[in-house]
Amino acid sequence: MSDGNERNVQFEVVDSHRIQFGKNNFLEVARKKAVSDSGTTEFISLSRGYTMKDGSERYKSSISIPDEPDIRKFLAEHIQGI
């Protein structure tokens, strides 16, 4: 029985870039879409993960950033300056 608050959200990767570091770790920056009955929202995802011995990948942590020009500019400027 549904209470009307359930959301069926599908996530789509629009574009992604990854860099390996350490033995089996990676960082990934991706543009993603969250698609639901109520609409589509694009966002930027920063994720850290690792590759297992069998070649499968696992994600340890992730942060979603609104796809807003001021926020992207802020991050780009301050990451370069740190």
PDB file of N, CA and C in Angstrom:
ATOM      1  N   MET A   1       0.838  -1.171   0.000  1.00  0.00           N
ATOM      2  CA  MET A   1       0.000   0.000   0.000  1.00  0.00           C
ATOM      3  C   MET A   1       0.890   1.243   0.000  1.00  0.00           C
ATOM      4  N   SER A   2       0.617   2.180  -0.878  1.00  0.00           N
ATOM      5  CA  SER A   2       1.417   3.389  -1.001  1.00  0.00           C
ATOM      6  C   SER A   2       0.757   4.533  -0.247  1.00  0.00           C
ATOM      7  N   ASP A   3       1.573   5.356   0.430  1.00  0.00           N
ATOM      8  CA  ASP A   3       1.024   6.502   1.141  1.00  0.00           C
ATOM      9  C   ASP A   3       1.057   7.764   0.291  1.00  0.00           C
ATOM     10  N   GLY A   4       1.461   7.640  -0.985  1.00  0.00           N
ATOM     11  CA  GLY A   4       1.501   8.790  -1.885  1.00  0.00           C
ATOM     12  C   GLY A   4       2.798   9.560  -1.832  1.00  0.00           C
ATOM     13  N   ASN A   5       3.677   9.232  -0.883  1.00  0.00           N
ATOM     14  CA  ASN A   5       4.944   9.949  -0.762  1.00  0.00           C
ATOM     15  C   ASN A   5       6.106   9.203  -1.396  1.00  0.00           C
ATOM     16  N   GLU A   6       5.853   8.011  -1.924  1.00  0.00           N
ATOM     17  CA  GLU A   6       6.935   7.255  -2.550  1.00  0.00           C
ATOM     18  C   GLU A   6       7.341   7.930  -3.844  1.00  0.00           C
ATOM     19  N   ARG A   7       8.634   7.903  -4.106  1.00  0.00           N
ATOM     20  CA  ARG A   7       9.139   8.479  -5.346  1.00  0.00           C
ATOM     21  C   ARG A   7       9.969   7.434  -6.063  1.00  0.00           C
ATOM     22  N   ASN A   8       9.598   7.173  -7.266  1.00  0.00           N
ATOM     23  CA  ASN A   8      10.364   6.254  -8.093  1.00  0.00           C
ATOM     24  C   ASN A   8      11.339   7.103  -8.904  1.00  0.00           C
ATOM     25  N   VAL A   9      12.590   7.141  -8.473  1.00  0.00           N
ATOM     26  CA  VAL A   9      13.602   7.983  -9.109  1.00  0.00           C
ATOM     27  C   VAL A   9      14.601   7.094  -9.838  1.00  0.00           C
ATOM     28  N   GLN A  10      14.860   7.435 -11.084  1.00  0.00           N
ATOM     29  CA  GLN A  10      15.880   6.769 -11.879  1.00  0.00           C
ATOM     30  C   GLN A  10      17.034   7.754 -12.064  1.00  0.00           C
ATOM     31  N   PHE A  11      18.259   7.270 -11.899  1.00  0.00           N
ATOM     32  CA  PHE A  11      19.431   8.118 -12.070  1.00  0.00           C
ATOM     33  C   PHE A  11      20.131   7.755 -13.368  1.00  0.00           C
ATOM     34  N   GLU A  12      20.486   8.784 -14.138  1.00  0.00           N
ATOM     35  CA  GLU A  12      21.192   8.597 -15.401  1.00  0.00           C
ATOM     36  C   GLU A  12      22.498   9.384 -15.360  1.00  0.00           C
ATOM     37  N   VAL A  13      23.578   8.774 -15.832  1.00  0.00           N
ATOM     38  CA  VAL A  13      24.863   9.462 -15.928  1.00  0.00           C
ATOM     39  C   VAL A  13      24.923  10.132 -17.298  1.00  0.00           C
ATOM     40  N   VAL A  14      25.073  11.451 -17.302  1.00  0.00           N
ATOM     41  CA  VAL A  14      25.166  12.214 -18.535  1.00  0.00           C
ATOM     42  C   VAL A  14      26.610  12.232 -19.028  1.00  0.00           C
ATOM     43  N   ASP A  15      27.540  12.444 -18.102  1.00  0.00           N
ATOM     44  CA  ASP A  15      28.972  12.497 -18.428  1.00  0.00           C
ATOM     45  C   ASP A  15      29.745  12.225 -17.145  1.00  0.00           C
ATOM     46  N   SER A  16      30.900  11.583 -17.252  1.00  0.00           N
ATOM     47  CA  SER A  16      31.710  11.361 -16.056  1.00  0.00           C
ATOM     48  C   SER A  16      33.183  11.302 -16.410  1.00  0.00           C
ATOM     49  N   HIS A  17      33.989  11.664 -15.428  1.00  0.00           N
ATOM     50  CA  HIS A  17      35.445  11.641 -15.565  1.00  0.00           C
ATOM     51  C   HIS A  17      36.013  11.061 -14.282  1.00  0.00           C
ATOM     52  N   ARG A  18      37.060  10.267 -14.444  1.00  0.00           N
ATOM     53  CA  ARG A  18      37.606   9.531 -13.306  1.00  0.00           C
ATOM     54  C   ARG A  18      39.122   9.597 -13.327  1.00  0.00           C
ATOM     55  N   ILE A  19      39.709   9.626 -12.119  1.00  0.00           N
ATOM     56  CA  ILE A  19      41.158   9.538 -11.981  1.00  0.00           C
ATOM     57  C   ILE A  19      41.464   8.486 -10.917  1.00  0.00           C
ATOM     58  N   GLN A  20      42.407   7.625 -11.240  1.00  0.00           N
ATOM     59  CA  GLN A  20      42.840   6.579 -10.312  1.00  0.00           C
ATOM     60  C   GLN A  20      43.888   7.168  -9.373  1.00  0.00           C
ATOM     61  N   PHE A  21      43.932   6.685  -8.138  1.00  0.00           N
ATOM     62  CA  PHE A  21      45.005   7.047  -7.216  1.00  0.00           C
ATOM     63  C   PHE A  21      45.217   5.903  -6.238  1.00  0.00           C
ATOM     64  N   GLY A  22      46.409   5.852  -5.688  1.00  0.00           N
ATOM     65  CA  GLY A  22      46.732   4.757  -4.777  1.00  0.00           C
ATOM     66  C   GLY A  22      46.692   3.421  -5.510  1.00  0.00           C
ATOM     67  N   LYS A  23      46.517   2.361  -4.749  1.00  0.00           N
ATOM     68  CA  LYS A  23      46.518   1.021  -5.332  1.00  0.00           C
ATOM     69  C   LYS A  23      45.259   0.713  -6.135  1.00  0.00           C
ATOM     70  N   ASN A  24      44.108   1.021  -5.576  1.00  0.00           N
ATOM     71  CA  ASN A  24      42.865   0.639  -6.244  1.00  0.00           C
ATOM     72  C   ASN A  24      41.743   1.655  -6.022  1.00  0.00           C
ATOM     73  N   ASN A  25      42.100   2.896  -5.737  1.00  0.00           N
ATOM     74  CA  ASN A  25      41.115   3.942  -5.456  1.00  0.00           C
ATOM     75  C   ASN A  25      40.874   4.812  -6.676  1.00  0.00           C
ATOM     76  N   PHE A  26      39.718   5.480  -6.693  1.00  0.00           N
ATOM     77  CA  PHE A  26      39.435   6.443  -7.756  1.00  0.00           C
ATOM     78  C   PHE A  26      38.548   7.568  -7.224  1.00  0.00           C
ATOM     79  N   LEU A  27      38.649   8.701  -7.907  1.00  0.00           N
ATOM     80  CA  LEU A  27      37.742   9.827  -7.716  1.00  0.00           C
ATOM     81  C   LEU A  27      36.981   9.995  -9.015  1.00  0.00           C
ATOM     82  N   GLU A  28      35.699  10.290  -8.895  1.00  0.00           N
ATOM     83  CA  GLU A  28      34.865  10.461 -10.077  1.00  0.00           C
ATOM     84  C   GLU A  28      34.062  11.753  -9.955  1.00  0.00           C
ATOM     85  N   VAL A  29      34.049  12.521 -11.026  1.00  0.00           N
ATOM     86  CA  VAL A  29      33.200  13.699 -11.142  1.00  0.00           C
ATOM     87  C   VAL A  29      32.205  13.380 -12.251  1.00  0.00           C
ATOM     88  N   ALA A  30      30.918  13.535 -11.959  1.00  0.00           N
ATOM     89  CA  ALA A  30      29.909  13.163 -12.947  1.00  0.00           C
ATOM     90  C   ALA A  30      28.756  14.155 -12.954  1.00  0.00           C
ATOM     91  N   ARG A  31      28.188  14.334 -14.131  1.00  0.00           N
ATOM     92  CA  ARG A  31      26.922  15.061 -14.267  1.00  0.00           C
ATOM     93  C   ARG A  31      25.859  13.977 -14.366  1.00  0.00           C
ATOM     94  N   LYS A  32      24.851  14.066 -13.524  1.00  0.00           N
ATOM     95  CA  LYS A  32      23.798  13.054 -13.491  1.00  0.00           C
ATOM     96  C   LYS A  32      22.425  13.704 -13.557  1.00  0.00           C
ATOM     97  N   LYS A  33      21.441  12.888 -13.939  1.00  0.00           N
ATOM     98  CA  LYS A  33      20.047  13.313 -13.946  1.00  0.00           C
ATOM     99  C   LYS A  33      19.272  12.423 -12.993  1.00  0.00           C
ATOM    100  N   ALA A  34      18.405  13.038 -12.217  1.00  0.00           N
ATOM    101  CA  ALA A  34      17.440  12.303 -11.405  1.00  0.00           C
ATOM    102  C   ALA A  34      16.095  12.485 -12.097  1.00  0.00           C
ATOM    103  N   VAL A  35      15.522  11.401 -12.589  1.00  0.00           N
ATOM    104  CA  VAL A  35      14.286  11.459 -13.361  1.00  0.00           C
ATOM    105  C   VAL A  35      13.178  10.782 -12.565  1.00  0.00           C
ATOM    106  N   SER A  36      12.087  11.507 -12.336  1.00  0.00           N
ATOM    107  CA  SER A  36      10.930  10.951 -11.629  1.00  0.00           C
ATOM    108  C   SER A  36       9.664  11.474 -12.299  1.00  0.00           C
ATOM    109  N   ASP A  37       8.528  11.018 -11.803  1.00  0.00           N
ATOM    110  CA  ASP A  37       7.244  11.484 -12.337  1.00  0.00           C
ATOM    111  C   ASP A  37       7.067  12.987 -12.162  1.00  0.00           C
ATOM    112  N   SER A  38       7.729  13.557 -11.160  1.00  0.00           N
ATOM    113  CA  SER A  38       7.586  14.985 -10.904  1.00  0.00           C
ATOM    114  C   SER A  38       8.567  15.842 -11.704  1.00  0.00           C
ATOM    115  N   GLY A  39       9.453  15.227 -12.498  1.00  0.00           N
ATOM    116  CA  GLY A  39      10.366  15.998 -13.334  1.00  0.00           C
ATOM    117  C   GLY A  39      11.780  15.457 -13.334  1.00  0.00           C
ATOM    118  N   THR A  40      12.666  16.233 -13.950  1.00  0.00           N
ATOM    119  CA  THR A  40      14.074  15.866 -14.081  1.00  0.00           C
ATOM    120  C   THR A  40      14.932  16.950 -13.445  1.00  0.00           C
ATOM    121  N   THR A  41      15.920  16.527 -12.677  1.00  0.00           N
ATOM    122  CA  THR A  41      16.854  17.452 -12.047  1.00  0.00           C
ATOM    123  C   THR A  41      18.269  16.995 -12.385  1.00  0.00           C
ATOM    124  N   GLU A  42      19.102  17.927 -12.862  1.00  0.00           N
ATOM    125  CA  GLU A  42      20.510  17.610 -13.103  1.00  0.00           C
ATOM    126  C   GLU A  42      21.337  18.088 -11.925  1.00  0.00           C
ATOM    127  N   PHE A  43      22.404  17.337 -11.625  1.00  0.00           N
ATOM    128  CA  PHE A  43      23.290  17.700 -10.529  1.00  0.00           C
ATOM    129  C   PHE A  43      24.682  17.166 -10.823  1.00  0.00           C
ATOM    130  N   ILE A  44      25.648  17.656 -10.063  1.00  0.00           N
ATOM    131  CA  ILE A  44      27.033  17.211 -10.165  1.00  0.00           C
ATOM    132  C   ILE A  44      27.304  16.287  -8.981  1.00  0.00           C
ATOM    133  N   SER A  45      27.972  15.183  -9.249  1.00  0.00           N
ATOM    134  CA  SER A  45      28.291  14.210  -8.203  1.00  0.00           C
ATOM    135  C   SER A  45      29.802  14.064  -8.101  1.00  0.00           C
ATOM    136  N   LEU A  46      30.322  14.166  -6.885  1.00  0.00           N
ATOM    137  CA  LEU A  46      31.733  13.902  -6.606  1.00  0.00           C
ATOM    138  C   LEU A  46      31.775  12.635  -5.763  1.00  0.00           C
ATOM    139  N   SER A  47      32.453  11.609  -6.259  1.00  0.00           N
ATOM    140  CA  SER A  47      32.447  10.321  -5.567  1.00  0.00           C
ATOM    141  C   SER A  47      33.852   9.770  -5.401  1.00  0.00           C
ATOM    142  N   ARG A  48      34.031   9.042  -4.309  1.00  0.00           N
ATOM    143  CA  ARG A  48      35.273   8.306  -4.071  1.00  0.00           C
ATOM    144  C   ARG A  48      34.910   6.831  -4.011  1.00  0.00           C
ATOM    145  N   GLY A  49      35.733   6.023  -4.667  1.00  0.00           N
ATOM    146  CA  GLY A  49      35.459   4.597  -4.657  1.00  0.00           C
ATOM    147  C   GLY A  49      36.724   3.782  -4.791  1.00  0.00           C
ATOM    148  N   TYR A  50      36.533   2.483  -4.943  1.00  0.00           N
ATOM    149  CA  TYR A  50      37.669   1.581  -5.093  1.00  0.00           C
ATOM    150  C   TYR A  50      37.272   0.417  -5.989  1.00  0.00           C
ATOM    151  N   THR A  51      38.297  -0.206  -6.562  1.00  0.00           N
ATOM    152  CA  THR A  51      38.106  -1.362  -7.419  1.00  0.00           C
ATOM    153  C   THR A  51      38.485  -2.606  -6.638  1.00  0.00           C
ATOM    154  N   MET A  52      37.591  -3.580  -6.645  1.00  0.00           N
ATOM    155  CA  MET A  52      37.840  -4.824  -5.920  1.00  0.00           C
ATOM    156  C   MET A  52      38.715  -5.753  -6.760  1.00  0.00           C
ATOM    157  N   LYS A  53      39.219  -6.814  -6.143  1.00  0.00           N
ATOM    158  CA  LYS A  53      40.109  -7.753  -6.841  1.00  0.00           C
ATOM    159  C   LYS A  53      39.454  -8.382  -8.062  1.00  0.00           C
ATOM    160  N   ASP A  54      38.129  -8.555  -8.027  1.00  0.00           N
ATOM    161  CA  ASP A  54      37.425  -9.158  -9.162  1.00  0.00           C
ATOM    162  C   ASP A  54      37.105  -8.145 -10.266  1.00  0.00           C
ATOM    163  N   GLY A  55      37.534  -6.881 -10.078  1.00  0.00           N
ATOM    164  CA  GLY A  55      37.312  -5.849 -11.087  1.00  0.00           C
ATOM    165  C   GLY A  55      36.046  -5.036 -10.884  1.00  0.00           C
ATOM    166  N   SER A  56      35.196  -5.451  -9.968  1.00  0.00           N
ATOM    167  CA  SER A  56      33.985  -4.679  -9.697  1.00  0.00           C
ATOM    168  C   SER A  56      34.343  -3.418  -8.911  1.00  0.00           C
ATOM    169  N   GLU A  57      33.472  -2.429  -8.990  1.00  0.00           N
ATOM    170  CA  GLU A  57      33.737  -1.155  -8.334  1.00  0.00           C
ATOM    171  C   GLU A  57      32.741  -0.913  -7.215  1.00  0.00           C
ATOM    172  N   ARG A  58      33.212  -0.282  -6.166  1.00  0.00           N
ATOM    173  CA  ARG A  58      32.379   0.082  -5.024  1.00  0.00           C
ATOM    174  C   ARG A  58      32.610   1.563  -4.738  1.00  0.00           C
ATOM    175  N   TYR A  59      31.555   2.217  -4.317  1.00  0.00           N
ATOM    176  CA  TYR A  59      31.652   3.621  -3.939  1.00  0.00           C
ATOM    177  C   TYR A  59      31.640   3.733  -2.423  1.00  0.00           C
ATOM    178  N   LYS A  60      32.583   4.525  -1.883  1.00  0.00           N
ATOM    179  CA  LYS A  60      32.691   4.712  -0.438  1.00  0.00           C
ATOM    180  C   LYS A  60      31.887   5.920   0.019  1.00  0.00           C
ATOM    181  N   SER A  61      31.982   7.006  -0.729  1.00  0.00           N
ATOM    182  CA  SER A  61      31.290   8.229  -0.341  1.00  0.00           C
ATOM    183  C   SER A  61      31.007   9.072  -1.571  1.00  0.00           C
ATOM    184  N   SER A  62      30.008   9.917  -1.444  1.00  0.00           N
ATOM    185  CA  SER A  62      29.613  10.763  -2.558  1.00  0.00           C
ATOM    186  C   SER A  62      28.947  12.018  -2.021  1.00  0.00           C
ATOM    187  N   ILE A  63      29.080  13.085  -2.786  1.00  0.00           N
ATOM    188  CA  ILE A  63      28.387  14.327  -2.463  1.00  0.00           C
ATOM    189  C   ILE A  63      27.740  14.832  -3.752  1.00  0.00           C
ATOM    190  N   SER A  64      26.525  15.306  -3.637  1.00  0.00           N
ATOM    191  CA  SER A  64      25.805  15.868  -4.777  1.00  0.00           C
ATOM    192  C   SER A  64      25.809  17.381  -4.649  1.00  0.00           C
ATOM    193  N   ILE A  65      26.112  18.040  -5.754  1.00  0.00           N
ATOM    194  CA  ILE A  65      26.210  19.491  -5.780  1.00  0.00           C
ATOM    195  C   ILE A  65      25.186  20.010  -6.776  1.00  0.00           C
ATOM    196  N   PRO A  66      24.411  21.024  -6.399  1.00  0.00           N
ATOM    197  CA  PRO A  66      23.442  21.583  -7.348  1.00  0.00           C
ATOM    198  C   PRO A  66      24.150  22.074  -8.612  1.00  0.00           C
ATOM    199  N   ASP A  67      23.516  21.883  -9.751  1.00  0.00           N
ATOM    200  CA  ASP A  67      24.083  22.324 -11.022  1.00  0.00           C
ATOM    201  C   ASP A  67      23.747  23.799 -11.242  1.00  0.00           C
ATOM    202  N   GLU A  68      24.421  24.637 -10.468  1.00  0.00           N
ATOM    203  CA  GLU A  68      24.215  26.076 -10.551  1.00  0.00           C
ATOM    204  C   GLU A  68      25.552  26.737 -10.868  1.00  0.00           C
ATOM    205  N   PRO A  69      25.578  27.655 -11.823  1.00  0.00           N
ATOM    206  CA  PRO A  69      26.848  28.288 -12.237  1.00  0.00           C
ATOM    207  C   PRO A  69      27.647  28.896 -11.089  1.00  0.00           C
ATOM    208  N   ASP A  70      26.997  29.568 -10.151  1.00  0.00           N
ATOM    209  CA  ASP A  70      27.725  30.194  -9.038  1.00  0.00           C
ATOM    210  C   ASP A  70      28.414  29.155  -8.159  1.00  0.00           C
ATOM    211  N   ILE A  71      27.761  28.034  -7.947  1.00  0.00           N
ATOM    212  CA  ILE A  71      28.351  26.984  -7.112  1.00  0.00           C
ATOM    213  C   ILE A  71      29.512  26.319  -7.834  1.00  0.00           C
ATOM    214  N   ARG A  72      29.349  26.024  -9.133  1.00  0.00           N
ATOM    215  CA  ARG A  72      30.448  25.425  -9.900  1.00  0.00           C
ATOM    216  C   ARG A  72      31.649  26.366  -9.936  1.00  0.00           C
ATOM    217  N   LYS A  73      31.413  27.649 -10.145  1.00  0.00           N
ATOM    218  CA  LYS A  73      32.498  28.630 -10.176  1.00  0.00           C
ATOM    219  C   LYS A  73      33.212  28.701  -8.832  1.00  0.00           C
ATOM    220  N   PHE A  74      32.452  28.730  -7.740  1.00  0.00           N
ATOM    221  CA  PHE A  74      33.019  28.756  -6.392  1.00  0.00           C
ATOM    222  C   PHE A  74      33.935  27.568  -6.163  1.00  0.00           C
ATOM    223  N   LEU A  75      33.452  26.370  -6.483  1.00  0.00           N
ATOM    224  CA  LEU A  75      34.260  25.158  -6.286  1.00  0.00           C
ATOM    225  C   LEU A  75      35.529  25.188  -7.137  1.00  0.00           C
ATOM    226  N   ALA A  76      35.393  25.530  -8.408  1.00  0.00           N
ATOM    227  CA  ALA A  76      36.550  25.547  -9.312  1.00  0.00           C
ATOM    228  C   ALA A  76      37.617  26.531  -8.807  1.00  0.00           C
ATOM    229  N   GLU A  77      37.212  27.706  -8.404  1.00  0.00           N
ATOM    230  CA  GLU A  77      38.155  28.713  -7.935  1.00  0.00           C
ATOM    231  C   GLU A  77      38.855  28.280  -6.650  1.00  0.00           C
ATOM    232  N   HIS A  78      38.092  27.768  -5.719  1.00  0.00           N
ATOM    233  CA  HIS A  78      38.670  27.454  -4.418  1.00  0.00           C
ATOM    234  C   HIS A  78      39.449  26.141  -4.397  1.00  0.00           C
ATOM    235  N   ILE A  79      39.096  25.210  -5.217  1.00  0.00           N
ATOM    236  CA  ILE A  79      39.896  23.983  -5.302  1.00  0.00           C
ATOM    237  C   ILE A  79      41.272  24.309  -5.878  1.00  0.00           C
ATOM    238  N   GLN A  80      41.310  25.194  -6.873  1.00  0.00           N
ATOM    239  CA  GLN A  80      42.583  25.606  -7.464  1.00  0.00           C
ATOM    240  C   GLN A  80      43.454  26.341  -6.438  1.00  0.00           C
ATOM    241  N   GLY A  81      42.820  27.066  -5.526  1.00  0.00           N
ATOM    242  CA  GLY A  81      43.561  27.891  -4.573  1.00  0.00           C
ATOM    243  C   GLY A  81      43.986  27.186  -3.302  1.00  0.00           C
ATOM    244  N   ILE A  82      43.511  25.987  -3.087  1.00  0.00           N
ATOM    245  CA  ILE A  82      43.841  25.285  -1.839  1.00  0.00           C
ATOM    246  C   ILE A  82      45.178  24.596  -1.982  1.00  0.00           C
TER     247      ILE A  82
END
